[in-house]
Amino acid sequence: MAKSLNPNAAGPDSPSGAGGGPSSTSEPRRAFLGTSVAAGAIGAALALFPLGSGALVLLDPLRKRQSSGAGPEGGGLMLRVATLESLPADGTPVQVPVISDLTDAWNREPNQPIGAVYLSRKGDEVKCFNAICPHAGCFVGYAADRRVYQCPCHTSSFQLDGAIISPSPSPRDMDELDVDAERLKSGEVWIRFVNYLPGKHDRIAK
């Protein structure tokens, strides 16, 4: 039989023949690339795991602070500020510092001043007012000669029961704080300390 003279006919040495050409090498290459991509994805995921764990460790103190609140049900801190016998029995106001532990995300500083209050005693009863003026947040002083609370910043003044003396720029009376009646029976003055936003008609805790 005569051999084909067609130069385009496939022969044993043709690239498309059984000896292997592009069609025979493309499959291993695709398999190699697929394996490399999968390995890279797994490596990236494993690399992110310690980063995520580290972030949780760093943020854990923040989460604990948020869950702890500022006291029982977010209603302030119950703190001991004085003894009953240390207060004048005639109702003269006494300013005392409020001491507590300051805690941020990673640090704790014990016994730090966080504010001040006025205490006034009549018999075995004690009234407590936050020493911050409700107008702009200045510390209120006590004018003993006139027996009134007086703010040095914008002349707001208040009676001994905390009521505004008009005219006054203060939007509300002085902020009265709760005194623990049970602990008073044992001679200790404990208050629920809360700071309220200045410049508001209603008392809004910070």
N, C-alpha and C. Protein backbone atom coordinates (compact mmCIF):
# COMPACT_ATOMS: atom_id res chain seq x y z
N MET A 1 0.87 -1.19 0.00
CA MET A 1 0.00 0.00 0.00
C MET A 1 0.89 1.23 0.00
N ALA A 2 0.52 2.24 -0.79
CA ALA A 2 1.34 3.46 -0.88
C ALA A 2 1.20 4.26 0.37
N LYS A 3 2.33 4.87 0.81
CA LYS A 3 2.31 5.73 1.99
C LYS A 3 1.60 7.02 1.66
N SER A 4 0.94 7.60 2.63
CA SER A 4 0.24 8.88 2.44
C SER A 4 1.25 9.98 2.24
N LEU A 5 0.98 10.78 1.28
CA LEU A 5 1.85 11.93 1.01
C LEU A 5 1.37 13.19 1.70
N ASN A 6 0.28 13.12 2.48
CA ASN A 6 -0.26 14.30 3.16
C ASN A 6 0.67 14.71 4.30
N PRO A 7 1.29 15.87 4.20
CA PRO A 7 2.24 16.28 5.25
C PRO A 7 1.57 16.55 6.58
N ASN A 8 0.24 16.75 6.61
CA ASN A 8 -0.47 17.06 7.86
C ASN A 8 -0.93 15.81 8.58
N ALA A 9 -0.69 14.66 8.03
CA ALA A 9 -1.16 13.43 8.67
C ALA A 9 -0.33 13.16 9.90
N ALA A 10 -0.98 12.66 10.97
CA ALA A 10 -0.29 12.38 12.24
C ALA A 10 0.52 11.14 12.13
N GLY A 11 1.72 11.20 12.60
CA GLY A 11 2.60 10.05 12.59
C GLY A 11 3.08 9.74 13.98
N PRO A 12 3.97 8.75 14.12
CA PRO A 12 4.44 8.36 15.45
C PRO A 12 5.25 9.44 16.12
N ASP A 13 5.87 10.34 15.38
CA ASP A 13 6.67 11.41 15.99
C ASP A 13 5.91 12.71 16.07
N SER A 14 4.62 12.71 15.73
CA SER A 14 3.82 13.93 15.77
C SER A 14 3.58 14.36 17.21
N PRO A 15 3.58 15.70 17.50
CA PRO A 15 3.36 16.17 18.88
C PRO A 15 2.04 15.73 19.46
N SER A 16 1.05 15.47 18.62
CA SER A 16 -0.25 15.05 19.15
C SER A 16 -0.38 13.56 19.26
N GLY A 17 0.69 12.84 19.03
CA GLY A 17 0.64 11.39 19.05
C GLY A 17 0.75 10.85 20.45
N ALA A 18 0.91 9.51 20.55
CA ALA A 18 0.93 8.84 21.85
C ALA A 18 2.18 9.12 22.62
N GLY A 19 3.21 9.73 21.98
CA GLY A 19 4.46 10.00 22.68
C GLY A 19 4.31 11.06 23.75
N GLY A 20 3.19 11.80 23.84
CA GLY A 20 2.95 12.82 24.89
C GLY A 20 3.23 14.20 24.38
N GLY A 21 2.26 15.08 24.43
CA GLY A 21 2.39 16.49 24.06
C GLY A 21 1.73 17.34 25.11
N PRO A 22 1.23 18.50 24.71
CA PRO A 22 0.60 19.40 25.68
C PRO A 22 -0.55 18.76 26.41
N SER A 23 -1.33 17.89 25.77
CA SER A 23 -2.49 17.29 26.43
C SER A 23 -2.06 16.34 27.52
N SER A 24 -0.86 15.75 27.40
CA SER A 24 -0.43 14.78 28.40
C SER A 24 0.25 15.45 29.58
N THR A 25 0.80 16.66 29.42
CA THR A 25 1.50 17.35 30.52
C THR A 25 0.62 18.34 31.25
N SER A 26 -0.50 18.81 30.66
CA SER A 26 -1.35 19.81 31.31
C SER A 26 -2.05 19.26 32.55
N GLU A 27 -2.40 17.98 32.58
CA GLU A 27 -3.10 17.41 33.73
C GLU A 27 -2.24 17.44 34.99
N PRO A 28 -0.98 16.96 34.96
CA PRO A 28 -0.14 17.05 36.17
C PRO A 28 0.07 18.47 36.63
N ARG A 29 0.19 19.41 35.64
CA ARG A 29 0.38 20.81 36.04
C ARG A 29 -0.83 21.34 36.78
N ARG A 30 -2.01 21.04 36.26
CA ARG A 30 -3.24 21.50 36.94
C ARG A 30 -3.35 20.89 38.32
N ALA A 31 -3.01 19.63 38.46
CA ALA A 31 -3.07 18.98 39.77
C ALA A 31 -2.10 19.62 40.75
N PHE A 32 -0.89 19.97 40.24
CA PHE A 32 0.12 20.61 41.10
C PHE A 32 -0.35 21.98 41.58
N LEU A 33 -0.91 22.77 40.63
CA LEU A 33 -1.40 24.10 41.01
C LEU A 33 -2.53 24.01 42.01
N GLY A 34 -3.46 23.04 41.81
CA GLY A 34 -4.57 22.88 42.75
C GLY A 34 -4.08 22.54 44.15
N THR A 35 -3.09 21.66 44.21
CA THR A 35 -2.53 21.28 45.51
C THR A 35 -1.85 22.47 46.18
N SER A 36 -1.14 23.30 45.40
CA SER A 36 -0.45 24.46 45.96
C SER A 36 -1.43 25.48 46.52
N VAL A 37 -2.53 25.73 45.78
CA VAL A 37 -3.54 26.68 46.25
C VAL A 37 -4.19 26.20 47.54
N ALA A 38 -4.52 24.91 47.58
CA ALA A 38 -5.13 24.36 48.80
C ALA A 38 -4.20 24.46 49.98
N ALA A 39 -2.91 24.15 49.77
CA ALA A 39 -1.93 24.24 50.85
C ALA A 39 -1.78 25.67 51.33
N GLY A 40 -1.80 26.62 50.39
CA GLY A 40 -1.69 28.03 50.78
C GLY A 40 -2.87 28.49 51.60
N ALA A 41 -4.07 28.07 51.22
CA ALA A 41 -5.27 28.45 51.98
C ALA A 41 -5.24 27.89 53.38
N ILE A 42 -4.82 26.62 53.52
CA ILE A 42 -4.73 26.01 54.85
C ILE A 42 -3.69 26.73 55.70
N GLY A 43 -2.54 27.07 55.09
CA GLY A 43 -1.50 27.78 55.82
C GLY A 43 -1.97 29.14 56.29
N ALA A 44 -2.72 29.87 55.44
CA ALA A 44 -3.24 31.18 55.83
C ALA A 44 -4.21 31.07 56.99
N ALA A 45 -5.07 30.04 56.94
CA ALA A 45 -6.03 29.84 58.03
C ALA A 45 -5.33 29.53 59.33
N LEU A 46 -4.29 28.69 59.27
CA LEU A 46 -3.53 28.35 60.48
C LEU A 46 -2.79 29.57 61.01
N ALA A 47 -2.33 30.44 60.12
CA ALA A 47 -1.62 31.64 60.56
C ALA A 47 -2.56 32.61 61.26
N LEU A 48 -3.82 32.66 60.83
CA LEU A 48 -4.79 33.56 61.46
C LEU A 48 -5.22 33.10 62.83
N PHE A 49 -5.11 31.81 63.12
CA PHE A 49 -5.58 31.28 64.40
C PHE A 49 -4.87 31.90 65.59
N PRO A 50 -3.50 31.95 65.60
CA PRO A 50 -2.85 32.59 66.75
C PRO A 50 -3.14 34.07 66.84
N LEU A 51 -3.33 34.75 65.67
CA LEU A 51 -3.70 36.17 65.72
C LEU A 51 -5.03 36.37 66.39
N GLY A 52 -6.00 35.51 66.05
CA GLY A 52 -7.31 35.61 66.68
C GLY A 52 -7.24 35.33 68.16
N SER A 53 -6.44 34.33 68.55
CA SER A 53 -6.29 34.02 69.97
C SER A 53 -5.66 35.17 70.72
N GLY A 54 -4.63 35.80 70.08
CA GLY A 54 -3.99 36.94 70.73
C GLY A 54 -4.94 38.10 70.90
N ALA A 55 -5.79 38.35 69.91
CA ALA A 55 -6.77 39.43 70.02
C ALA A 55 -7.73 39.18 71.16
N LEU A 56 -8.16 37.94 71.33
CA LEU A 56 -9.07 37.62 72.43
C LEU A 56 -8.42 37.86 73.78
N VAL A 57 -7.12 37.52 73.88
CA VAL A 57 -6.40 37.76 75.14
C VAL A 57 -6.33 39.24 75.44
N LEU A 58 -6.02 40.05 74.40
CA LEU A 58 -5.91 41.49 74.61
C LEU A 58 -7.24 42.13 74.96
N LEU A 59 -8.32 41.66 74.35
CA LEU A 59 -9.62 42.27 74.56
C LEU A 59 -10.35 41.71 75.77
N ASP A 60 -9.85 40.62 76.36
CA ASP A 60 -10.55 39.99 77.48
C ASP A 60 -10.76 40.94 78.65
N PRO A 61 -9.74 41.74 79.07
CA PRO A 61 -9.99 42.67 80.16
C PRO A 61 -11.07 43.69 79.84
N LEU A 62 -11.14 44.11 78.55
CA LEU A 62 -12.18 45.06 78.17
C LEU A 62 -13.56 44.44 78.31
N ARG A 63 -13.68 43.16 77.90
CA ARG A 63 -14.97 42.50 78.01
C ARG A 63 -15.37 42.34 79.47
N LYS A 64 -14.41 42.03 80.33
CA LYS A 64 -14.71 41.88 81.74
C LYS A 64 -15.17 43.20 82.34
N ARG A 65 -14.51 44.32 81.94
CA ARG A 65 -14.89 45.62 82.47
C ARG A 65 -16.31 45.97 82.05
N GLN A 66 -16.64 45.69 80.81
CA GLN A 66 -17.99 46.01 80.34
C GLN A 66 -19.04 45.19 81.07
N SER A 67 -18.72 43.94 81.38
CA SER A 67 -19.71 43.09 82.05
C SER A 67 -19.86 43.40 83.53
N SER A 68 -18.80 44.02 84.12
CA SER A 68 -18.85 44.27 85.55
C SER A 68 -19.71 45.47 85.90
N GLY A 69 -19.81 46.45 84.97
CA GLY A 69 -20.62 47.63 85.24
C GLY A 69 -19.96 48.52 86.27
N ALA A 70 -20.73 49.47 86.81
CA ALA A 70 -20.20 50.43 87.78
C ALA A 70 -20.80 50.20 89.15
N GLY A 71 -21.15 49.00 89.46
CA GLY A 71 -21.74 48.69 90.75
C GLY A 71 -22.98 47.85 90.56
N PRO A 72 -23.75 47.62 91.62
CA PRO A 72 -24.96 46.80 91.51
C PRO A 72 -25.94 47.36 90.49
N GLU A 73 -26.15 46.61 89.43
CA GLU A 73 -27.09 46.97 88.37
C GLU A 73 -26.74 48.32 87.75
N GLY A 74 -25.44 48.65 87.74
CA GLY A 74 -25.02 49.91 87.14
C GLY A 74 -25.43 51.11 87.95
N GLY A 75 -25.85 50.94 89.22
CA GLY A 75 -26.39 52.04 90.02
C GLY A 75 -25.38 52.71 90.91
N GLY A 76 -24.11 52.71 90.56
CA GLY A 76 -23.11 53.39 91.35
C GLY A 76 -22.35 52.45 92.26
N LEU A 77 -21.36 53.01 92.94
CA LEU A 77 -20.51 52.25 93.84
C LEU A 77 -20.90 52.51 95.28
N MET A 78 -21.10 51.46 96.05
CA MET A 78 -21.38 51.59 97.47
C MET A 78 -20.04 51.68 98.20
N LEU A 79 -19.77 52.85 98.80
CA LEU A 79 -18.47 53.12 99.38
C LEU A 79 -18.60 53.72 100.78
N ARG A 80 -17.64 53.40 101.63
CA ARG A 80 -17.57 53.99 102.98
C ARG A 80 -16.81 55.31 102.88
N VAL A 81 -17.40 56.38 103.39
CA VAL A 81 -16.78 57.70 103.26
C VAL A 81 -16.49 58.38 104.60
N ALA A 82 -17.11 57.93 105.69
CA ALA A 82 -16.90 58.59 106.99
C ALA A 82 -17.49 57.75 108.10
N THR A 83 -17.30 58.22 109.31
CA THR A 83 -18.00 57.64 110.46
C THR A 83 -19.02 58.65 110.95
N LEU A 84 -20.04 58.18 111.60
CA LEU A 84 -21.10 59.07 112.08
C LEU A 84 -20.56 60.07 113.08
N GLU A 85 -19.71 59.63 113.98
CA GLU A 85 -19.20 60.51 115.03
C GLU A 85 -18.26 61.59 114.51
N SER A 86 -17.73 61.42 113.28
CA SER A 86 -16.85 62.44 112.71
C SER A 86 -17.61 63.63 112.14
N LEU A 87 -18.93 63.56 112.06
CA LEU A 87 -19.74 64.62 111.47
C LEU A 87 -20.36 65.48 112.56
N PRO A 88 -20.35 66.81 112.38
CA PRO A 88 -21.00 67.69 113.36
C PRO A 88 -22.49 67.36 113.49
N ALA A 89 -22.98 67.33 114.72
CA ALA A 89 -24.38 66.95 114.95
C ALA A 89 -25.36 68.09 114.67
N ASP A 90 -24.85 69.31 114.40
CA ASP A 90 -25.73 70.46 114.18
C ASP A 90 -26.12 70.67 112.72
N GLY A 91 -25.73 69.75 111.86
CA GLY A 91 -26.11 69.85 110.45
C GLY A 91 -25.14 70.61 109.57
N THR A 92 -24.01 71.05 110.12
CA THR A 92 -23.02 71.75 109.31
C THR A 92 -22.43 70.79 108.26
N PRO A 93 -22.46 71.17 106.98
CA PRO A 93 -21.94 70.28 105.94
C PRO A 93 -20.42 70.11 106.03
N VAL A 94 -19.99 68.92 105.76
CA VAL A 94 -18.57 68.60 105.73
C VAL A 94 -18.26 67.95 104.38
N GLN A 95 -17.25 68.47 103.71
CA GLN A 95 -16.85 67.87 102.44
C GLN A 95 -15.83 66.77 102.71
N VAL A 96 -16.08 65.60 102.15
CA VAL A 96 -15.16 64.47 102.31
C VAL A 96 -14.84 63.89 100.94
N PRO A 97 -13.62 63.40 100.76
CA PRO A 97 -13.27 62.78 99.48
C PRO A 97 -13.89 61.40 99.35
N VAL A 98 -14.11 60.99 98.13
CA VAL A 98 -14.60 59.64 97.85
C VAL A 98 -13.43 58.85 97.28
N ILE A 99 -13.07 57.77 97.96
CA ILE A 99 -11.90 56.98 97.60
C ILE A 99 -12.34 55.62 97.10
N SER A 100 -11.75 55.20 95.99
CA SER A 100 -12.05 53.88 95.45
C SER A 100 -10.88 53.40 94.62
N ASP A 101 -10.98 52.18 94.09
CA ASP A 101 -9.95 51.63 93.21
C ASP A 101 -10.26 52.01 91.77
N LEU A 102 -9.25 52.53 91.08
CA LEU A 102 -9.39 52.85 89.66
C LEU A 102 -8.91 51.66 88.85
N THR A 103 -9.74 51.20 87.93
CA THR A 103 -9.39 50.04 87.12
C THR A 103 -9.68 50.33 85.66
N ASP A 104 -8.64 50.15 84.81
CA ASP A 104 -8.88 50.21 83.37
C ASP A 104 -8.73 48.80 82.82
N ALA A 105 -8.43 48.68 81.53
CA ALA A 105 -8.42 47.36 80.91
C ALA A 105 -7.34 46.45 81.49
N TRP A 106 -6.18 47.01 81.87
CA TRP A 106 -5.08 46.15 82.30
C TRP A 106 -4.47 46.57 83.65
N ASN A 107 -4.86 47.71 84.20
CA ASN A 107 -4.22 48.20 85.41
C ASN A 107 -5.24 48.44 86.51
N ARG A 108 -4.77 48.33 87.76
CA ARG A 108 -5.61 48.61 88.92
C ARG A 108 -4.81 49.47 89.89
N GLU A 109 -5.39 50.66 90.22
CA GLU A 109 -4.75 51.58 91.15
C GLU A 109 -5.64 51.70 92.38
N PRO A 110 -5.23 51.12 93.50
CA PRO A 110 -6.08 51.13 94.69
C PRO A 110 -6.07 52.49 95.40
N ASN A 111 -7.19 52.77 96.08
CA ASN A 111 -7.31 53.93 96.97
C ASN A 111 -7.00 55.26 96.28
N GLN A 112 -7.75 55.53 95.21
CA GLN A 112 -7.59 56.77 94.47
C GLN A 112 -8.83 57.65 94.64
N PRO A 113 -8.65 58.99 94.74
CA PRO A 113 -9.82 59.88 94.82
C PRO A 113 -10.60 59.89 93.51
N ILE A 114 -11.89 59.66 93.60
CA ILE A 114 -12.72 59.65 92.39
C ILE A 114 -13.80 60.73 92.44
N GLY A 115 -13.81 61.54 93.49
CA GLY A 115 -14.80 62.60 93.62
C GLY A 115 -14.86 63.10 95.05
N ALA A 116 -15.91 63.85 95.35
CA ALA A 116 -16.11 64.38 96.70
C ALA A 116 -17.60 64.55 96.94
N VAL A 117 -17.99 64.51 98.21
CA VAL A 117 -19.40 64.69 98.59
C VAL A 117 -19.47 65.58 99.82
N TYR A 118 -20.65 66.16 100.02
CA TYR A 118 -20.95 66.88 101.26
C TYR A 118 -21.86 66.01 102.12
N LEU A 119 -21.49 65.86 103.38
CA LEU A 119 -22.29 65.13 104.36
C LEU A 119 -22.78 66.09 105.42
N SER A 120 -24.05 66.00 105.74
CA SER A 120 -24.60 66.80 106.85
C SER A 120 -25.42 65.90 107.74
N ARG A 121 -25.21 66.05 109.04
CA ARG A 121 -25.84 65.15 110.02
C ARG A 121 -26.78 65.91 110.95
N LYS A 122 -27.94 65.31 111.17
CA LYS A 122 -28.86 65.78 112.20
C LYS A 122 -29.29 64.57 113.00
N GLY A 123 -28.77 64.48 114.22
CA GLY A 123 -29.03 63.30 115.03
C GLY A 123 -28.34 62.10 114.43
N ASP A 124 -29.12 61.07 114.13
CA ASP A 124 -28.58 59.86 113.52
C ASP A 124 -28.88 59.78 112.03
N GLU A 125 -29.34 60.88 111.45
CA GLU A 125 -29.63 60.92 110.03
C GLU A 125 -28.56 61.71 109.29
N VAL A 126 -28.21 61.23 108.12
CA VAL A 126 -27.16 61.87 107.32
C VAL A 126 -27.67 62.09 105.90
N LYS A 127 -27.47 63.33 105.40
CA LYS A 127 -27.75 63.63 104.00
C LYS A 127 -26.43 63.72 103.26
N CYS A 128 -26.47 63.33 101.99
CA CYS A 128 -25.26 63.34 101.17
C CYS A 128 -25.57 63.98 99.82
N PHE A 129 -24.69 64.91 99.39
CA PHE A 129 -24.81 65.55 98.08
C PHE A 129 -23.48 65.43 97.34
N ASN A 130 -23.57 65.14 96.06
CA ASN A 130 -22.37 65.17 95.23
C ASN A 130 -21.85 66.61 95.20
N ALA A 131 -20.54 66.77 95.35
CA ALA A 131 -19.94 68.11 95.40
C ALA A 131 -19.78 68.75 94.03
N ILE A 132 -20.18 68.04 92.97
CA ILE A 132 -20.09 68.59 91.62
C ILE A 132 -21.34 69.42 91.32
N CYS A 133 -21.13 70.63 90.81
CA CYS A 133 -22.26 71.49 90.45
C CYS A 133 -22.98 70.92 89.23
N PRO A 134 -24.31 70.84 89.28
CA PRO A 134 -25.06 70.31 88.13
C PRO A 134 -25.05 71.20 86.90
N HIS A 135 -24.51 72.43 87.04
CA HIS A 135 -24.52 73.33 85.90
C HIS A 135 -23.42 72.98 84.89
N ALA A 136 -22.15 73.07 85.34
CA ALA A 136 -21.04 72.87 84.40
C ALA A 136 -19.97 71.93 84.95
N GLY A 137 -20.21 71.34 86.11
CA GLY A 137 -19.27 70.35 86.61
C GLY A 137 -18.18 70.87 87.51
N CYS A 138 -18.26 72.13 87.96
CA CYS A 138 -17.27 72.65 88.91
C CYS A 138 -17.56 72.09 90.31
N PHE A 139 -16.54 72.16 91.17
CA PHE A 139 -16.75 71.76 92.56
C PHE A 139 -17.43 72.89 93.33
N VAL A 140 -18.47 72.54 94.03
CA VAL A 140 -19.23 73.51 94.82
C VAL A 140 -18.53 73.72 96.16
N GLY A 141 -18.48 74.96 96.61
CA GLY A 141 -17.94 75.27 97.92
C GLY A 141 -19.07 75.45 98.93
N TYR A 142 -18.68 75.60 100.20
CA TYR A 142 -19.68 75.86 101.25
C TYR A 142 -19.36 77.20 101.89
N ALA A 143 -20.33 78.13 101.80
CA ALA A 143 -20.18 79.46 102.41
C ALA A 143 -20.76 79.41 103.81
N ALA A 144 -19.89 79.25 104.81
CA ALA A 144 -20.34 79.06 106.19
C ALA A 144 -21.05 80.30 106.74
N ASP A 145 -20.62 81.49 106.29
CA ASP A 145 -21.24 82.72 106.81
C ASP A 145 -22.69 82.85 106.38
N ARG A 146 -23.04 82.32 105.20
CA ARG A 146 -24.42 82.39 104.72
C ARG A 146 -25.12 81.04 104.78
N ARG A 147 -24.39 80.02 105.15
CA ARG A 147 -24.92 78.66 105.25
C ARG A 147 -25.61 78.23 103.95
N VAL A 148 -24.86 78.38 102.86
CA VAL A 148 -25.33 77.95 101.54
C VAL A 148 -24.17 77.28 100.82
N TYR A 149 -24.52 76.42 99.86
CA TYR A 149 -23.53 75.89 98.93
C TYR A 149 -23.38 76.90 97.80
N GLN A 150 -22.14 77.18 97.41
CA GLN A 150 -21.88 78.20 96.40
C GLN A 150 -20.89 77.67 95.38
N CYS A 151 -21.27 77.74 94.10
CA CYS A 151 -20.35 77.35 93.03
C CYS A 151 -19.51 78.56 92.63
N PRO A 152 -18.19 78.45 92.60
CA PRO A 152 -17.34 79.60 92.27
C PRO A 152 -17.28 79.91 90.77
N CYS A 153 -17.77 79.02 89.94
CA CYS A 153 -17.61 79.20 88.49
C CYS A 153 -18.67 80.13 87.89
N HIS A 154 -19.94 79.87 88.19
CA HIS A 154 -21.01 80.64 87.55
C HIS A 154 -22.07 81.08 88.56
N THR A 155 -21.69 81.18 89.83
CA THR A 155 -22.51 81.72 90.92
C THR A 155 -23.79 80.94 91.22
N SER A 156 -23.85 79.69 90.81
CA SER A 156 -24.99 78.87 91.25
C SER A 156 -24.89 78.70 92.76
N SER A 157 -26.02 78.78 93.44
CA SER A 157 -26.04 78.59 94.89
C SER A 157 -27.22 77.71 95.27
N PHE A 158 -27.05 77.02 96.42
CA PHE A 158 -28.03 76.02 96.84
C PHE A 158 -28.22 76.09 98.35
N GLN A 159 -29.43 75.79 98.78
CA GLN A 159 -29.72 75.73 100.20
C GLN A 159 -29.09 74.47 100.80
N LEU A 160 -29.15 74.37 102.14
CA LEU A 160 -28.55 73.22 102.80
C LEU A 160 -29.23 71.91 102.42
N ASP A 161 -30.50 71.99 101.97
CA ASP A 161 -31.17 70.76 101.53
C ASP A 161 -30.92 70.48 100.05
N GLY A 162 -30.02 71.24 99.41
CA GLY A 162 -29.65 71.01 98.02
C GLY A 162 -30.50 71.74 97.00
N ALA A 163 -31.55 72.45 97.44
CA ALA A 163 -32.45 73.13 96.51
C ALA A 163 -31.78 74.36 95.90
N ILE A 164 -32.12 74.65 94.63
CA ILE A 164 -31.57 75.81 93.93
C ILE A 164 -32.05 77.10 94.59
N ILE A 165 -31.14 78.05 94.71
CA ILE A 165 -31.51 79.41 95.11
C ILE A 165 -31.58 80.23 93.82
N SER A 166 -32.77 80.65 93.45
CA SER A 166 -32.97 81.37 92.19
C SER A 166 -32.64 82.85 92.35
N PRO A 167 -32.21 83.51 91.24
CA PRO A 167 -31.94 82.92 89.91
C PRO A 167 -30.63 82.14 89.91
N SER A 168 -30.56 81.13 89.05
CA SER A 168 -29.38 80.27 89.02
C SER A 168 -29.22 79.66 87.64
N PRO A 169 -27.98 79.56 87.16
CA PRO A 169 -27.76 78.89 85.88
C PRO A 169 -27.87 77.37 85.98
N SER A 170 -27.88 76.83 87.20
CA SER A 170 -27.96 75.38 87.34
C SER A 170 -29.32 74.87 86.88
N PRO A 171 -29.36 73.82 86.10
CA PRO A 171 -30.64 73.29 85.60
C PRO A 171 -31.41 72.46 86.63
N ARG A 172 -30.77 72.11 87.75
CA ARG A 172 -31.44 71.27 88.74
C ARG A 172 -30.80 71.47 90.11
N ASP A 173 -31.44 70.89 91.13
CA ASP A 173 -30.89 70.92 92.48
C ASP A 173 -29.58 70.14 92.52
N MET A 174 -28.88 70.25 93.64
CA MET A 174 -27.68 69.42 93.82
C MET A 174 -28.09 67.95 93.81
N ASP A 175 -27.17 67.12 93.38
CA ASP A 175 -27.47 65.70 93.23
C ASP A 175 -27.33 64.99 94.58
N GLU A 176 -28.48 64.59 95.14
CA GLU A 176 -28.46 63.87 96.41
C GLU A 176 -28.15 62.39 96.15
N LEU A 177 -27.32 61.82 97.02
CA LEU A 177 -26.91 60.42 96.89
C LEU A 177 -27.47 59.61 98.05
N ASP A 178 -27.70 58.33 97.79
CA ASP A 178 -28.26 57.44 98.81
C ASP A 178 -27.25 57.16 99.91
N VAL A 179 -27.75 57.15 101.16
CA VAL A 179 -26.95 56.77 102.32
C VAL A 179 -27.51 55.46 102.87
N ASP A 180 -26.64 54.51 103.16
CA ASP A 180 -27.06 53.20 103.67
C ASP A 180 -27.51 53.34 105.12
N ALA A 181 -28.82 53.23 105.34
CA ALA A 181 -29.38 53.40 106.67
C ALA A 181 -28.97 52.30 107.63
N GLU A 182 -28.83 51.09 107.14
CA GLU A 182 -28.45 49.97 108.01
C GLU A 182 -27.04 50.15 108.55
N ARG A 183 -26.12 50.58 107.71
CA ARG A 183 -24.74 50.75 108.17
C ARG A 183 -24.62 51.97 109.10
N LEU A 184 -25.52 52.94 108.95
CA LEU A 184 -25.52 54.07 109.88
C LEU A 184 -25.76 53.61 111.31
N LYS A 185 -26.55 52.56 111.48
CA LYS A 185 -26.84 52.05 112.83
C LYS A 185 -25.58 51.56 113.53
N SER A 186 -24.59 51.16 112.75
CA SER A 186 -23.33 50.72 113.34
C SER A 186 -22.28 51.82 113.33
N GLY A 187 -22.71 53.06 113.00
CA GLY A 187 -21.82 54.21 113.08
C GLY A 187 -20.97 54.46 111.85
N GLU A 188 -21.24 53.79 110.73
CA GLU A 188 -20.47 54.00 109.51
C GLU A 188 -21.34 54.63 108.43
N VAL A 189 -20.75 55.57 107.70
CA VAL A 189 -21.46 56.26 106.62
C VAL A 189 -21.03 55.67 105.28
N TRP A 190 -21.94 54.93 104.67
CA TRP A 190 -21.73 54.36 103.34
C TRP A 190 -22.70 55.04 102.39
N ILE A 191 -22.21 55.39 101.21
CA ILE A 191 -23.06 56.05 100.21
C ILE A 191 -22.97 55.29 98.89
N ARG A 192 -24.00 55.48 98.08
CA ARG A 192 -23.95 54.96 96.71
C ARG A 192 -23.51 56.11 95.81
N PHE A 193 -22.23 56.06 95.43
CA PHE A 193 -21.64 57.19 94.71
C PHE A 193 -21.92 57.10 93.22
N VAL A 194 -22.49 58.18 92.68
CA VAL A 194 -22.80 58.27 91.25
C VAL A 194 -22.45 59.69 90.79
N ASN A 195 -21.82 59.79 89.64
CA ASN A 195 -21.63 61.08 88.98
C ASN A 195 -22.69 61.23 87.89
N TYR A 196 -23.32 62.41 87.86
CA TYR A 196 -24.36 62.66 86.86
C TYR A 196 -23.88 63.71 85.86
N LEU A 197 -24.43 63.63 84.66
CA LEU A 197 -24.05 64.57 83.61
C LEU A 197 -24.47 65.99 83.99
N PRO A 198 -23.56 66.97 83.89
CA PRO A 198 -23.94 68.36 84.14
C PRO A 198 -24.71 68.94 82.96
N GLY A 199 -25.41 70.02 83.23
CA GLY A 199 -26.12 70.73 82.17
C GLY A 199 -27.43 70.11 81.74
N LYS A 200 -27.92 69.10 82.46
CA LYS A 200 -29.18 68.43 82.13
C LYS A 200 -30.21 68.69 83.22
N HIS A 201 -31.47 68.81 82.81
CA HIS A 201 -32.55 68.98 83.81
C HIS A 201 -32.79 67.68 84.58
N ASP A 202 -32.67 66.55 83.89
CA ASP A 202 -32.84 65.26 84.55
C ASP A 202 -31.49 64.71 84.96
N ARG A 203 -31.51 63.89 86.00
CA ARG A 203 -30.27 63.26 86.46
C ARG A 203 -29.98 62.05 85.57
N ILE A 204 -28.87 62.12 84.84
CA ILE A 204 -28.45 61.04 83.95
C ILE A 204 -27.06 60.61 84.38
N ALA A 205 -26.94 59.37 84.83
CA ALA A 205 -25.65 58.88 85.31
C ALA A 205 -24.64 58.82 84.17
N LYS A 206 -23.40 59.17 84.48
CA LYS A 206 -22.34 59.08 83.48
C LYS A 206 -22.02 57.61 83.17
